[in-house]
Amino acid sequence: MKLVVALAALVFLAGCGSSKHATTTNGCTDVSQPKPAERTASKPTARLDPAKTYDVRLQTNCGPFTIRLAVSTSPATTASFAHLVRSGFFDHTVFHRIAPGFVIQGGDPTASGAGGPGYSTHDPVPASTRYTFGLVAMAKAQAEPSGTGGSQFFVVTGKDVGLPPDYAVLGRVVAGAGVVRRIGALGDANEHPTRVVEIEKASLDVSS
């Protein structure tokens, strides 16, 4: 079952990614497709400390960007995401869906739009949530309740894409907005990536 971030009739489309570097074009290093793989993880039981700041740095072949996790807003979602980052779950995965002016979507090691960690989380989504540029949230299947999350996430690349408050808030991009814009331009009209965009390494930084 594919996970959907719905706006009108928008759907998931699979992409590809990799690890062998070649030439650099428009700020992105050419890479070949990493092998899709099923990955699972144990569901974390501990929550993150809301008194601390948690930043996830995603190093891509188009440059790095950093997500500050919304620990107080989404305690279950952020604890899960941090757990997956620490386990290397996102390393050598791709942004399998790039919808220009809407979102970039990744976090699926199968690159099919249907993969996940083997469990789900849930956090209530504040009614006031607006999906504006740089907001990061979790993708979910249409039949799943509001606020459900697995491993697939999306970064909003439009100014305000008008989504309803159904998608669990993960955090917001606090560094590397230019990289997000660069990646966001690499999709066609059918939301297929026009080149491979790989998350080479995801890392977690914790500060008081």
N, C-alpha and C. Protein backbone atom coordinates (compact mmCIF):
# COMPACT_ATOMS: atom_id res chain seq x y z
N MET A 1 0.85 -1.20 0.00
CA MET A 1 0.00 0.00 0.00
C MET A 1 0.88 1.24 0.00
N LYS A 2 0.69 2.09 -0.97
CA LYS A 2 1.52 3.28 -1.07
C LYS A 2 1.04 4.35 -0.10
N LEU A 3 2.01 5.13 0.39
CA LEU A 3 1.70 6.23 1.28
C LEU A 3 1.47 7.48 0.46
N VAL A 4 0.44 8.22 0.80
CA VAL A 4 0.00 9.33 -0.05
C VAL A 4 0.01 10.65 0.69
N VAL A 5 0.60 11.66 0.04
CA VAL A 5 0.41 13.05 0.45
C VAL A 5 -0.51 13.63 -0.59
N ALA A 6 -1.77 13.81 -0.26
CA ALA A 6 -2.78 14.12 -1.27
C ALA A 6 -3.00 15.61 -1.42
N LEU A 7 -2.93 16.07 -2.66
CA LEU A 7 -3.40 17.40 -3.03
C LEU A 7 -3.99 17.23 -4.42
N ALA A 8 -5.30 17.43 -4.55
CA ALA A 8 -6.01 17.09 -5.77
C ALA A 8 -5.76 15.62 -6.05
N ALA A 9 -5.16 15.28 -7.23
CA ALA A 9 -4.97 13.88 -7.58
C ALA A 9 -3.51 13.48 -7.52
N LEU A 10 -2.70 14.15 -6.72
CA LEU A 10 -1.29 13.83 -6.65
C LEU A 10 -1.09 12.45 -6.07
N VAL A 11 -0.13 11.67 -6.66
CA VAL A 11 0.15 10.31 -6.21
C VAL A 11 1.64 10.10 -6.12
N PHE A 12 2.04 8.98 -5.46
CA PHE A 12 3.45 8.64 -5.38
C PHE A 12 3.94 8.06 -6.68
N LEU A 13 5.19 8.33 -6.99
CA LEU A 13 5.84 7.68 -8.12
C LEU A 13 7.24 7.31 -7.67
N ALA A 14 7.70 6.15 -8.10
CA ALA A 14 8.99 5.67 -7.62
C ALA A 14 10.13 6.36 -8.34
N GLY A 15 11.28 6.43 -7.66
CA GLY A 15 12.48 7.01 -8.23
C GLY A 15 13.65 6.11 -7.98
N CYS A 16 14.82 6.68 -7.97
CA CYS A 16 16.01 5.89 -7.76
C CYS A 16 17.08 6.71 -7.08
N GLY A 17 18.19 6.10 -6.68
CA GLY A 17 19.27 6.76 -5.98
C GLY A 17 20.57 6.02 -6.02
N SER A 18 21.65 6.42 -5.29
CA SER A 18 22.92 5.74 -5.37
C SER A 18 24.09 6.15 -4.52
N SER A 19 25.29 5.62 -4.85
CA SER A 19 26.44 5.98 -4.03
C SER A 19 27.72 6.20 -4.81
N LYS A 20 27.77 5.95 -6.10
CA LYS A 20 29.00 6.14 -6.86
C LYS A 20 29.01 7.52 -7.48
N HIS A 21 29.97 8.34 -7.08
CA HIS A 21 30.01 9.72 -7.52
C HIS A 21 30.68 9.85 -8.89
N ALA A 22 30.17 10.76 -9.68
CA ALA A 22 30.77 11.02 -10.98
C ALA A 22 30.92 12.52 -11.12
N THR A 23 30.28 13.12 -12.12
CA THR A 23 30.42 14.55 -12.36
C THR A 23 29.40 15.34 -11.55
N THR A 24 29.62 16.65 -11.46
CA THR A 24 28.72 17.53 -10.73
C THR A 24 28.04 18.48 -11.71
N THR A 25 26.72 18.57 -11.62
CA THR A 25 25.93 19.45 -12.49
C THR A 25 24.92 20.21 -11.64
N ASN A 26 24.91 21.53 -11.78
CA ASN A 26 23.95 22.37 -11.06
C ASN A 26 23.94 22.10 -9.56
N GLY A 27 25.11 21.86 -9.01
CA GLY A 27 25.23 21.67 -7.57
C GLY A 27 24.99 20.27 -7.07
N CYS A 28 24.66 19.34 -7.95
CA CYS A 28 24.42 17.95 -7.56
C CYS A 28 25.46 17.04 -8.20
N THR A 29 26.00 16.15 -7.40
CA THR A 29 26.94 15.15 -7.91
C THR A 29 26.16 13.99 -8.49
N ASP A 30 26.53 13.55 -9.69
CA ASP A 30 25.87 12.41 -10.31
C ASP A 30 26.17 11.13 -9.51
N VAL A 31 25.14 10.38 -9.21
CA VAL A 31 25.30 9.12 -8.50
C VAL A 31 24.49 8.05 -9.20
N SER A 32 24.85 6.81 -8.98
CA SER A 32 24.09 5.71 -9.55
C SER A 32 23.09 5.20 -8.53
N GLN A 33 22.16 4.41 -8.97
CA GLN A 33 21.05 4.00 -8.13
C GLN A 33 21.48 3.00 -7.06
N PRO A 34 21.22 3.28 -5.77
CA PRO A 34 21.48 2.26 -4.77
C PRO A 34 20.44 1.15 -4.89
N LYS A 35 20.79 -0.02 -4.47
CA LYS A 35 19.89 -1.14 -4.59
C LYS A 35 18.74 -1.00 -3.60
N PRO A 36 17.48 -1.01 -4.08
CA PRO A 36 16.36 -0.95 -3.15
C PRO A 36 16.38 -2.15 -2.20
N ALA A 37 15.95 -1.94 -0.98
CA ALA A 37 15.99 -3.02 0.01
C ALA A 37 14.88 -2.85 1.02
N GLU A 38 14.36 -3.96 1.50
CA GLU A 38 13.41 -3.94 2.60
C GLU A 38 14.20 -3.74 3.89
N ARG A 39 13.78 -2.78 4.71
CA ARG A 39 14.42 -2.57 6.00
C ARG A 39 13.33 -2.47 7.06
N THR A 40 13.59 -3.07 8.19
CA THR A 40 12.67 -2.94 9.31
C THR A 40 13.45 -2.51 10.54
N ALA A 41 12.74 -2.03 11.54
CA ALA A 41 13.38 -1.58 12.77
C ALA A 41 12.42 -1.84 13.93
N SER A 42 12.97 -1.91 15.12
CA SER A 42 12.14 -2.05 16.30
C SER A 42 11.54 -0.70 16.64
N LYS A 43 10.32 -0.71 17.16
CA LYS A 43 9.66 0.54 17.52
C LYS A 43 10.24 1.06 18.84
N PRO A 44 10.68 2.31 18.88
CA PRO A 44 11.27 2.83 20.12
C PRO A 44 10.21 3.01 21.21
N THR A 45 10.64 2.85 22.44
CA THR A 45 9.73 3.03 23.57
C THR A 45 10.00 4.34 24.31
N ALA A 46 11.21 4.86 24.18
CA ALA A 46 11.58 6.10 24.88
C ALA A 46 11.28 7.31 24.02
N ARG A 47 10.89 8.42 24.65
CA ARG A 47 10.66 9.68 23.96
C ARG A 47 11.90 10.57 24.09
N LEU A 48 11.99 11.58 23.26
CA LEU A 48 13.08 12.54 23.31
C LEU A 48 12.82 13.55 24.43
N ASP A 49 13.88 14.15 24.91
CA ASP A 49 13.79 15.14 25.98
C ASP A 49 13.34 16.47 25.39
N PRO A 50 12.14 16.96 25.72
CA PRO A 50 11.65 18.21 25.12
C PRO A 50 12.46 19.43 25.53
N ALA A 51 13.33 19.29 26.53
CA ALA A 51 14.18 20.41 26.95
C ALA A 51 15.42 20.53 26.07
N LYS A 52 15.65 19.54 25.20
CA LYS A 52 16.82 19.56 24.33
C LYS A 52 16.41 19.83 22.88
N THR A 53 17.40 20.21 22.07
CA THR A 53 17.17 20.47 20.65
C THR A 53 17.77 19.33 19.84
N TYR A 54 16.98 18.80 18.92
CA TYR A 54 17.41 17.67 18.10
C TYR A 54 17.40 18.10 16.63
N ASP A 55 18.56 18.06 16.01
CA ASP A 55 18.70 18.42 14.60
C ASP A 55 19.14 17.20 13.80
N VAL A 56 18.44 16.92 12.73
CA VAL A 56 18.81 15.84 11.82
C VAL A 56 19.44 16.45 10.58
N ARG A 57 20.67 16.07 10.30
CA ARG A 57 21.37 16.56 9.11
C ARG A 57 21.32 15.49 8.04
N LEU A 58 20.76 15.83 6.89
CA LEU A 58 20.71 14.93 5.76
C LEU A 58 21.75 15.36 4.74
N GLN A 59 22.76 14.53 4.56
CA GLN A 59 23.79 14.79 3.55
C GLN A 59 23.34 14.13 2.26
N THR A 60 23.07 14.93 1.23
CA THR A 60 22.65 14.39 -0.06
C THR A 60 23.71 14.70 -1.12
N ASN A 61 23.57 14.09 -2.26
CA ASN A 61 24.49 14.38 -3.36
C ASN A 61 24.23 15.75 -3.98
N CYS A 62 23.19 16.45 -3.48
CA CYS A 62 22.93 17.83 -3.88
C CYS A 62 23.28 18.81 -2.78
N GLY A 63 23.91 18.32 -1.71
CA GLY A 63 24.27 19.16 -0.59
C GLY A 63 23.52 18.77 0.67
N PRO A 64 23.87 19.36 1.82
CA PRO A 64 23.21 19.01 3.08
C PRO A 64 22.09 19.98 3.45
N PHE A 65 21.11 19.46 4.16
CA PHE A 65 20.15 20.33 4.82
C PHE A 65 19.80 19.73 6.18
N THR A 66 19.32 20.60 7.08
CA THR A 66 19.09 20.20 8.47
C THR A 66 17.65 20.42 8.87
N ILE A 67 17.08 19.40 9.53
CA ILE A 67 15.71 19.45 10.04
C ILE A 67 15.76 19.54 11.55
N ARG A 68 15.13 20.54 12.13
CA ARG A 68 14.98 20.62 13.58
C ARG A 68 13.68 19.92 13.97
N LEU A 69 13.78 18.88 14.80
CA LEU A 69 12.62 18.07 15.13
C LEU A 69 11.66 18.80 16.06
N ALA A 70 10.38 18.64 15.80
CA ALA A 70 9.32 19.28 16.60
C ALA A 70 8.93 18.33 17.73
N VAL A 71 9.81 18.23 18.73
CA VAL A 71 9.66 17.24 19.79
C VAL A 71 8.39 17.45 20.61
N SER A 72 8.10 18.67 20.98
CA SER A 72 6.92 18.94 21.81
C SER A 72 5.62 18.72 21.04
N THR A 73 5.60 19.08 19.76
CA THR A 73 4.40 18.93 18.94
C THR A 73 4.11 17.47 18.63
N SER A 74 5.17 16.71 18.31
CA SER A 74 5.00 15.32 17.86
C SER A 74 5.98 14.39 18.57
N PRO A 75 5.74 14.07 19.83
CA PRO A 75 6.71 13.28 20.59
C PRO A 75 6.93 11.87 20.05
N ALA A 76 5.88 11.19 19.61
CA ALA A 76 6.04 9.84 19.09
C ALA A 76 6.75 9.84 17.73
N THR A 77 6.34 10.75 16.87
CA THR A 77 6.92 10.87 15.53
C THR A 77 8.40 11.18 15.59
N THR A 78 8.77 12.16 16.40
CA THR A 78 10.18 12.58 16.47
C THR A 78 11.05 11.52 17.13
N ALA A 79 10.53 10.84 18.16
CA ALA A 79 11.31 9.78 18.80
C ALA A 79 11.59 8.66 17.80
N SER A 80 10.61 8.32 17.00
CA SER A 80 10.78 7.28 15.98
C SER A 80 11.79 7.70 14.93
N PHE A 81 11.67 8.93 14.46
CA PHE A 81 12.56 9.40 13.40
C PHE A 81 14.01 9.43 13.90
N ALA A 82 14.22 9.94 15.11
CA ALA A 82 15.57 9.97 15.68
C ALA A 82 16.13 8.55 15.82
N HIS A 83 15.30 7.63 16.24
CA HIS A 83 15.69 6.23 16.38
C HIS A 83 16.13 5.66 15.03
N LEU A 84 15.36 5.94 13.99
CA LEU A 84 15.70 5.44 12.65
C LEU A 84 16.98 6.08 12.13
N VAL A 85 17.16 7.36 12.39
CA VAL A 85 18.40 8.03 11.98
C VAL A 85 19.60 7.35 12.65
N ARG A 86 19.51 7.13 13.95
CA ARG A 86 20.62 6.52 14.69
C ARG A 86 20.95 5.11 14.18
N SER A 87 19.93 4.41 13.67
CA SER A 87 20.15 3.04 13.19
C SER A 87 20.67 2.97 11.76
N GLY A 88 20.76 4.14 11.08
CA GLY A 88 21.22 4.16 9.70
C GLY A 88 20.14 3.81 8.69
N PHE A 89 18.88 3.85 9.12
CA PHE A 89 17.77 3.44 8.27
C PHE A 89 17.68 4.26 6.98
N PHE A 90 17.99 5.55 7.06
CA PHE A 90 17.83 6.43 5.91
C PHE A 90 19.06 6.52 5.01
N ASP A 91 20.17 5.97 5.47
CA ASP A 91 21.41 6.06 4.68
C ASP A 91 21.26 5.30 3.36
N HIS A 92 21.69 5.93 2.27
CA HIS A 92 21.62 5.34 0.93
C HIS A 92 20.19 5.02 0.51
N THR A 93 19.29 5.94 0.86
CA THR A 93 17.94 5.92 0.30
C THR A 93 17.78 7.15 -0.58
N VAL A 94 16.68 7.24 -1.29
CA VAL A 94 16.52 8.32 -2.26
C VAL A 94 15.24 9.12 -2.02
N PHE A 95 15.19 10.29 -2.63
CA PHE A 95 13.93 11.02 -2.75
C PHE A 95 13.23 10.44 -3.97
N HIS A 96 12.26 9.56 -3.70
CA HIS A 96 11.63 8.82 -4.79
C HIS A 96 10.51 9.62 -5.46
N ARG A 97 10.10 10.69 -4.82
CA ARG A 97 9.05 11.54 -5.40
C ARG A 97 9.48 12.99 -5.27
N ILE A 98 9.50 13.70 -6.41
CA ILE A 98 9.81 15.12 -6.42
C ILE A 98 8.73 15.81 -7.24
N ALA A 99 7.88 16.56 -6.54
CA ALA A 99 6.78 17.28 -7.19
C ALA A 99 7.11 18.77 -7.13
N PRO A 100 7.62 19.35 -8.21
CA PRO A 100 8.04 20.76 -8.18
C PRO A 100 6.94 21.68 -7.66
N GLY A 101 7.32 22.58 -6.74
CA GLY A 101 6.37 23.51 -6.18
C GLY A 101 5.44 22.91 -5.15
N PHE A 102 5.70 21.66 -4.77
CA PHE A 102 4.83 20.97 -3.81
C PHE A 102 5.68 20.33 -2.71
N VAL A 103 6.24 19.14 -2.97
CA VAL A 103 7.04 18.45 -1.95
C VAL A 103 8.16 17.65 -2.59
N ILE A 104 9.17 17.34 -1.77
CA ILE A 104 10.12 16.26 -2.07
C ILE A 104 9.88 15.20 -1.01
N GLN A 105 9.90 13.95 -1.41
CA GLN A 105 9.53 12.88 -0.49
C GLN A 105 10.55 11.75 -0.51
N GLY A 106 10.93 11.29 0.69
CA GLY A 106 11.90 10.22 0.82
C GLY A 106 11.59 9.38 2.04
N GLY A 107 12.60 8.61 2.47
CA GLY A 107 12.45 7.78 3.65
C GLY A 107 11.99 6.36 3.38
N ASP A 108 11.93 5.97 2.11
CA ASP A 108 11.49 4.62 1.74
C ASP A 108 12.68 3.84 1.17
N PRO A 109 13.23 2.87 1.92
CA PRO A 109 14.40 2.14 1.42
C PRO A 109 14.10 1.28 0.20
N THR A 110 12.81 1.02 -0.08
CA THR A 110 12.46 0.24 -1.27
C THR A 110 12.33 1.13 -2.51
N ALA A 111 12.30 2.46 -2.31
CA ALA A 111 12.14 3.43 -3.41
C ALA A 111 10.87 3.20 -4.21
N SER A 112 9.89 2.53 -3.61
CA SER A 112 8.65 2.21 -4.33
C SER A 112 7.49 3.11 -3.92
N GLY A 113 7.63 3.82 -2.80
CA GLY A 113 6.52 4.58 -2.26
C GLY A 113 5.66 3.78 -1.31
N ALA A 114 6.04 2.52 -1.07
CA ALA A 114 5.23 1.66 -0.20
C ALA A 114 6.01 1.13 0.99
N GLY A 115 7.29 1.44 1.11
CA GLY A 115 8.11 0.88 2.18
C GLY A 115 8.01 1.63 3.48
N GLY A 116 8.44 0.97 4.54
CA GLY A 116 8.43 1.59 5.86
C GLY A 116 9.21 0.76 6.85
N PRO A 117 9.20 1.14 8.13
CA PRO A 117 10.03 0.45 9.12
C PRO A 117 9.39 -0.78 9.74
N GLY A 118 8.14 -1.08 9.38
CA GLY A 118 7.47 -2.23 9.95
C GLY A 118 6.60 -1.89 11.15
N TYR A 119 6.46 -0.61 11.45
CA TYR A 119 5.58 -0.15 12.53
C TYR A 119 5.12 1.25 12.19
N SER A 120 4.15 1.75 12.94
CA SER A 120 3.68 3.11 12.72
C SER A 120 3.59 3.84 14.05
N THR A 121 3.55 5.16 13.96
CA THR A 121 3.39 6.03 15.12
C THR A 121 2.19 6.92 14.89
N HIS A 122 1.80 7.63 15.94
CA HIS A 122 0.69 8.56 15.78
C HIS A 122 0.85 9.74 16.74
N ASP A 123 0.64 10.92 16.22
CA ASP A 123 0.58 12.14 17.02
C ASP A 123 -0.58 12.99 16.50
N PRO A 124 -1.36 13.59 17.37
CA PRO A 124 -2.38 14.52 16.90
C PRO A 124 -1.74 15.68 16.14
N VAL A 125 -2.38 16.09 15.07
CA VAL A 125 -1.87 17.20 14.27
C VAL A 125 -2.61 18.47 14.66
N PRO A 126 -1.90 19.50 15.10
CA PRO A 126 -2.59 20.75 15.47
C PRO A 126 -3.43 21.28 14.31
N ALA A 127 -4.63 21.70 14.63
CA ALA A 127 -5.55 22.21 13.60
C ALA A 127 -4.99 23.43 12.88
N SER A 128 -4.08 24.13 13.54
CA SER A 128 -3.51 25.35 12.97
C SER A 128 -2.33 25.09 12.03
N THR A 129 -1.97 23.81 11.83
CA THR A 129 -0.80 23.48 11.01
C THR A 129 -0.97 23.95 9.58
N ARG A 130 0.03 24.65 9.08
CA ARG A 130 0.08 25.05 7.67
C ARG A 130 1.34 24.47 7.05
N TYR A 131 1.16 23.86 5.91
CA TYR A 131 2.27 23.19 5.23
C TYR A 131 2.94 24.18 4.29
N THR A 132 3.83 24.96 4.86
CA THR A 132 4.54 26.02 4.14
C THR A 132 5.97 25.59 3.87
N PHE A 133 6.68 26.38 3.07
CA PHE A 133 8.03 26.01 2.65
C PHE A 133 8.90 25.64 3.86
N GLY A 134 9.57 24.50 3.76
CA GLY A 134 10.49 24.06 4.79
C GLY A 134 9.89 23.22 5.88
N LEU A 135 8.55 23.14 5.96
CA LEU A 135 7.94 22.26 6.94
C LEU A 135 8.18 20.82 6.52
N VAL A 136 8.46 19.96 7.49
CA VAL A 136 8.70 18.55 7.22
C VAL A 136 7.65 17.74 7.96
N ALA A 137 7.00 16.82 7.27
CA ALA A 137 5.92 16.03 7.87
C ALA A 137 6.00 14.60 7.35
N MET A 138 5.19 13.74 7.97
CA MET A 138 5.21 12.33 7.62
C MET A 138 4.13 12.02 6.58
N ALA A 139 4.50 11.19 5.61
CA ALA A 139 3.53 10.71 4.62
C ALA A 139 2.74 9.55 5.23
N LYS A 140 1.55 9.33 4.71
CA LYS A 140 0.73 8.23 5.20
C LYS A 140 -0.18 7.75 4.08
N ALA A 141 -0.71 6.53 4.24
CA ALA A 141 -1.69 6.03 3.29
C ALA A 141 -3.01 6.75 3.51
N GLN A 142 -3.80 6.87 2.46
CA GLN A 142 -5.06 7.61 2.55
C GLN A 142 -6.00 7.04 3.60
N ALA A 143 -5.98 5.72 3.77
CA ALA A 143 -6.90 5.08 4.71
C ALA A 143 -6.44 5.21 6.16
N GLU A 144 -5.21 5.63 6.38
CA GLU A 144 -4.69 5.71 7.74
C GLU A 144 -5.20 6.97 8.44
N PRO A 145 -5.32 6.91 9.76
CA PRO A 145 -5.80 8.08 10.50
C PRO A 145 -4.85 9.27 10.38
N SER A 146 -5.39 10.44 10.58
CA SER A 146 -4.58 11.66 10.63
C SER A 146 -3.48 11.51 11.66
N GLY A 147 -2.28 11.97 11.32
CA GLY A 147 -1.16 11.94 12.26
C GLY A 147 -0.37 10.65 12.29
N THR A 148 -0.70 9.69 11.41
CA THR A 148 0.05 8.43 11.33
C THR A 148 1.39 8.66 10.64
N GLY A 149 2.42 7.98 11.12
CA GLY A 149 3.73 8.08 10.49
C GLY A 149 4.44 6.74 10.48
N GLY A 150 5.34 6.58 9.53
CA GLY A 150 6.22 5.41 9.47
C GLY A 150 7.64 5.90 9.34
N SER A 151 8.20 5.76 8.14
CA SER A 151 9.53 6.32 7.88
C SER A 151 9.51 7.34 6.75
N GLN A 152 8.49 7.30 5.89
CA GLN A 152 8.45 8.22 4.76
C GLN A 152 8.06 9.62 5.23
N PHE A 153 8.81 10.58 4.75
CA PHE A 153 8.60 11.98 5.13
C PHE A 153 8.63 12.85 3.89
N PHE A 154 8.08 14.04 4.01
CA PHE A 154 8.15 14.98 2.90
C PHE A 154 8.54 16.36 3.41
N VAL A 155 9.22 17.09 2.54
CA VAL A 155 9.61 18.48 2.82
C VAL A 155 8.83 19.36 1.86
N VAL A 156 8.11 20.33 2.38
CA VAL A 156 7.31 21.22 1.54
C VAL A 156 8.23 22.17 0.80
N THR A 157 8.06 22.26 -0.51
CA THR A 157 8.88 23.14 -1.34
C THR A 157 8.08 24.29 -1.94
N GLY A 158 6.75 24.27 -1.76
CA GLY A 158 5.93 25.38 -2.20
C GLY A 158 5.77 26.41 -1.09
N LYS A 159 5.32 27.59 -1.43
CA LYS A 159 5.15 28.65 -0.42
C LYS A 159 4.12 28.25 0.63
N ASP A 160 3.00 27.73 0.18
CA ASP A 160 1.95 27.20 1.06
C ASP A 160 1.12 26.27 0.19
N VAL A 161 1.26 24.95 0.42
CA VAL A 161 0.67 23.99 -0.52
C VAL A 161 -0.77 23.62 -0.17
N GLY A 162 -1.32 24.20 0.90
CA GLY A 162 -2.75 24.06 1.17
C GLY A 162 -3.21 22.70 1.63
N LEU A 163 -2.33 21.88 2.17
CA LEU A 163 -2.74 20.56 2.66
C LEU A 163 -3.56 20.71 3.94
N PRO A 164 -4.51 19.80 4.17
CA PRO A 164 -5.25 19.80 5.44
C PRO A 164 -4.34 19.29 6.55
N PRO A 165 -4.67 19.57 7.81
CA PRO A 165 -3.82 19.13 8.92
C PRO A 165 -3.98 17.64 9.22
N ASP A 166 -3.49 16.82 8.29
CA ASP A 166 -3.60 15.36 8.40
C ASP A 166 -2.25 14.68 8.59
N TYR A 167 -1.17 15.38 8.32
CA TYR A 167 0.15 14.77 8.26
C TYR A 167 0.99 15.19 9.46
N ALA A 168 1.44 14.19 10.22
CA ALA A 168 2.17 14.44 11.46
C ALA A 168 3.38 15.33 11.20
N VAL A 169 3.51 16.38 11.99
CA VAL A 169 4.60 17.33 11.82
C VAL A 169 5.88 16.72 12.39
N LEU A 170 6.93 16.65 11.56
CA LEU A 170 8.22 16.15 12.00
C LEU A 170 9.12 17.30 12.47
N GLY A 171 9.11 18.40 11.75
CA GLY A 171 9.95 19.53 12.11
C GLY A 171 9.99 20.55 11.00
N ARG A 172 11.09 21.28 10.95
CA ARG A 172 11.25 22.33 9.94
C ARG A 172 12.71 22.42 9.53
N VAL A 173 12.94 22.75 8.27
CA VAL A 173 14.30 22.94 7.76
C VAL A 173 14.87 24.23 8.36
N VAL A 174 16.01 24.11 9.04
CA VAL A 174 16.63 25.28 9.67
C VAL A 174 17.97 25.63 9.03
N ALA A 175 18.46 24.81 8.13
CA ALA A 175 19.68 25.10 7.38
C ALA A 175 19.63 24.34 6.07
N GLY A 176 20.14 24.96 5.01
CA GLY A 176 20.16 24.30 3.70
C GLY A 176 18.91 24.48 2.88
N ALA A 177 18.22 25.61 3.06
CA ALA A 177 17.01 25.86 2.27
C ALA A 177 17.31 25.87 0.77
N GLY A 178 18.49 26.35 0.42
CA GLY A 178 18.86 26.36 -0.99
C GLY A 178 19.00 24.97 -1.56
N VAL A 179 19.46 24.03 -0.74
CA VAL A 179 19.56 22.63 -1.17
C VAL A 179 18.17 22.05 -1.39
N VAL A 180 17.25 22.36 -0.48
CA VAL A 180 15.87 21.89 -0.64
C VAL A 180 15.28 22.42 -1.95
N ARG A 181 15.51 23.70 -2.23
CA ARG A 181 15.00 24.26 -3.49
C ARG A 181 15.65 23.58 -4.70
N ARG A 182 16.93 23.30 -4.59
CA ARG A 182 17.64 22.62 -5.69
C ARG A 182 17.04 21.26 -5.96
N ILE A 183 16.82 20.49 -4.90
CA ILE A 183 16.23 19.17 -5.06
C ILE A 183 14.80 19.29 -5.58
N GLY A 184 14.08 20.28 -5.07
CA GLY A 184 12.69 20.45 -5.46
C GLY A 184 12.48 20.76 -6.92
N ALA A 185 13.51 21.21 -7.61
CA ALA A 185 13.41 21.51 -9.04
C ALA A 185 13.68 20.29 -9.91
N LEU A 186 14.05 19.17 -9.30
CA LEU A 186 14.49 18.00 -10.06
C LEU A 186 13.39 16.96 -10.25
N GLY A 187 12.17 17.44 -10.52
CA GLY A 187 11.07 16.53 -10.80
C GLY A 187 10.36 16.93 -12.07
N ASP A 188 9.72 15.94 -12.72
CA ASP A 188 8.97 16.26 -13.94
C ASP A 188 7.49 16.45 -13.63
N ALA A 189 6.69 16.61 -14.66
CA ALA A 189 5.27 16.88 -14.47
C ALA A 189 4.53 15.70 -13.84
N ASN A 190 5.11 14.52 -13.90
CA ASN A 190 4.51 13.33 -13.31
C ASN A 190 5.10 13.00 -11.94
N GLU A 191 5.90 13.93 -11.41
CA GLU A 191 6.52 13.80 -10.10
C GLU A 191 7.62 12.75 -10.04
N HIS A 192 8.12 12.34 -11.19
CA HIS A 192 9.30 11.48 -11.26
C HIS A 192 10.55 12.34 -11.07
N PRO A 193 11.53 11.89 -10.29
CA PRO A 193 12.80 12.60 -10.24
C PRO A 193 13.45 12.60 -11.62
N THR A 194 14.03 13.72 -11.99
CA THR A 194 14.73 13.80 -13.27
C THR A 194 16.20 13.40 -13.13
N ARG A 195 16.65 13.23 -11.89
CA ARG A 195 17.97 12.65 -11.62
C ARG A 195 17.92 12.04 -10.24
N VAL A 196 18.87 11.19 -9.96
CA VAL A 196 18.94 10.52 -8.67
C VAL A 196 19.33 11.51 -7.58
N VAL A 197 18.54 11.57 -6.51
CA VAL A 197 18.89 12.36 -5.33
C VAL A 197 18.94 11.40 -4.14
N GLU A 198 20.12 11.19 -3.63
CA GLU A 198 20.37 10.20 -2.59
C GLU A 198 20.63 10.86 -1.24
N ILE A 199 20.04 10.30 -0.20
CA ILE A 199 20.45 10.63 1.17
C ILE A 199 21.64 9.73 1.47
N GLU A 200 22.79 10.32 1.40
CA GLU A 200 24.01 9.54 1.60
C GLU A 200 24.22 9.18 3.07
N LYS A 201 23.86 10.11 3.94
CA LYS A 201 24.03 9.90 5.38
C LYS A 201 23.07 10.80 6.14
N ALA A 202 22.39 10.23 7.13
CA ALA A 202 21.56 11.01 8.05
C ALA A 202 22.20 10.92 9.43
N SER A 203 22.34 12.05 10.09
CA SER A 203 22.97 12.09 11.42
C SER A 203 22.16 12.97 12.35
N LEU A 204 22.25 12.68 13.65
CA LEU A 204 21.49 13.39 14.66
C LEU A 204 22.41 14.15 15.58
N ASP A 205 22.12 15.44 15.77
CA ASP A 205 22.87 16.27 16.69
C ASP A 205 21.93 16.71 17.82
N VAL A 206 22.37 16.54 19.04
CA VAL A 206 21.55 16.87 20.21
C VAL A 206 22.25 17.96 21.02
N SER A 207 21.53 19.01 21.37
CA SER A 207 22.09 20.08 22.17
C SER A 207 21.12 20.49 23.26
N SER A 208 21.65 21.05 24.34
CA SER A 208 20.82 21.48 25.47
C SER A 208 20.28 22.89 25.23
